Every structure is written in structure tokens, then in C-alpha cells.
N, C-alpha and C. Protein backbone atom coordinates (compact mmCIF):
# COMPACT_ATOMS: atom_id res chain seq x y z
N MET A 1 0.94 -1.12 0.02
CA MET A 1 -0.01 0.17 0.08
C MET A 1 0.62 1.25 0.07
N ALA A 2 1.92 1.16 0.49
CA ALA A 2 2.88 2.19 0.56
C ALA A 2 3.37 2.47 -0.87
N ARG A 3 3.80 1.57 -1.73
CA ARG A 3 4.02 1.96 -3.41
C ARG A 3 3.23 1.42 -4.17
N PRO A 4 2.71 1.96 -5.10
CA PRO A 4 1.70 1.52 -6.20
C PRO A 4 2.46 0.66 -7.12
N THR A 5 3.83 0.81 -7.36
CA THR A 5 4.66 0.12 -8.07
C THR A 5 5.63 -0.79 -7.46
N LYS A 6 5.49 -1.78 -6.69
CA LYS A 6 6.27 -2.55 -5.98
C LYS A 6 7.01 -3.48 -6.60
N PRO A 7 8.33 -3.81 -6.65
CA PRO A 7 9.08 -4.81 -7.19
C PRO A 7 8.40 -5.87 -6.94
N PRO A 8 8.60 -7.14 -7.69
CA PRO A 8 8.07 -8.65 -7.61
C PRO A 8 9.18 -9.14 -6.55
N LEU A 9 8.69 -9.53 -5.58
CA LEU A 9 9.49 -9.94 -4.51
C LEU A 9 9.68 -11.51 -4.79
N ARG A 10 8.75 -12.06 -5.40
CA ARG A 10 8.83 -13.46 -5.61
C ARG A 10 9.06 -13.58 -7.20
N THR A 11 10.41 -13.43 -7.60
CA THR A 11 10.84 -13.26 -8.98
C THR A 11 10.99 -14.79 -9.14
N ARG A 12 11.38 -15.79 -8.22
CA ARG A 12 11.67 -17.09 -8.52
C ARG A 12 10.25 -17.69 -8.82
N SER A 13 9.14 -17.28 -7.90
CA SER A 13 7.93 -18.10 -8.00
C SER A 13 7.28 -17.88 -9.17
N THR A 14 7.26 -16.63 -9.42
CA THR A 14 6.62 -16.19 -10.96
C THR A 14 7.34 -16.58 -12.15
N GLY A 15 8.73 -16.57 -11.87
CA GLY A 15 9.84 -16.84 -12.83
C GLY A 15 10.16 -15.74 -13.68
N LYS A 16 9.48 -14.72 -13.64
CA LYS A 16 9.83 -13.33 -14.09
C LYS A 16 9.72 -12.31 -13.31
């Protein structure tokens, strides 16, 4: 909620 555009913390889970 703090940032509208937060970086994907689960990059390995999503693959990208």
C-alpha cells in the first residue's frame, strides 16, 4: 500500500 509500483519480491515463484 505504501508504493503503487512495488518490485516483484517473488521473482523465482513467478519466473519473471
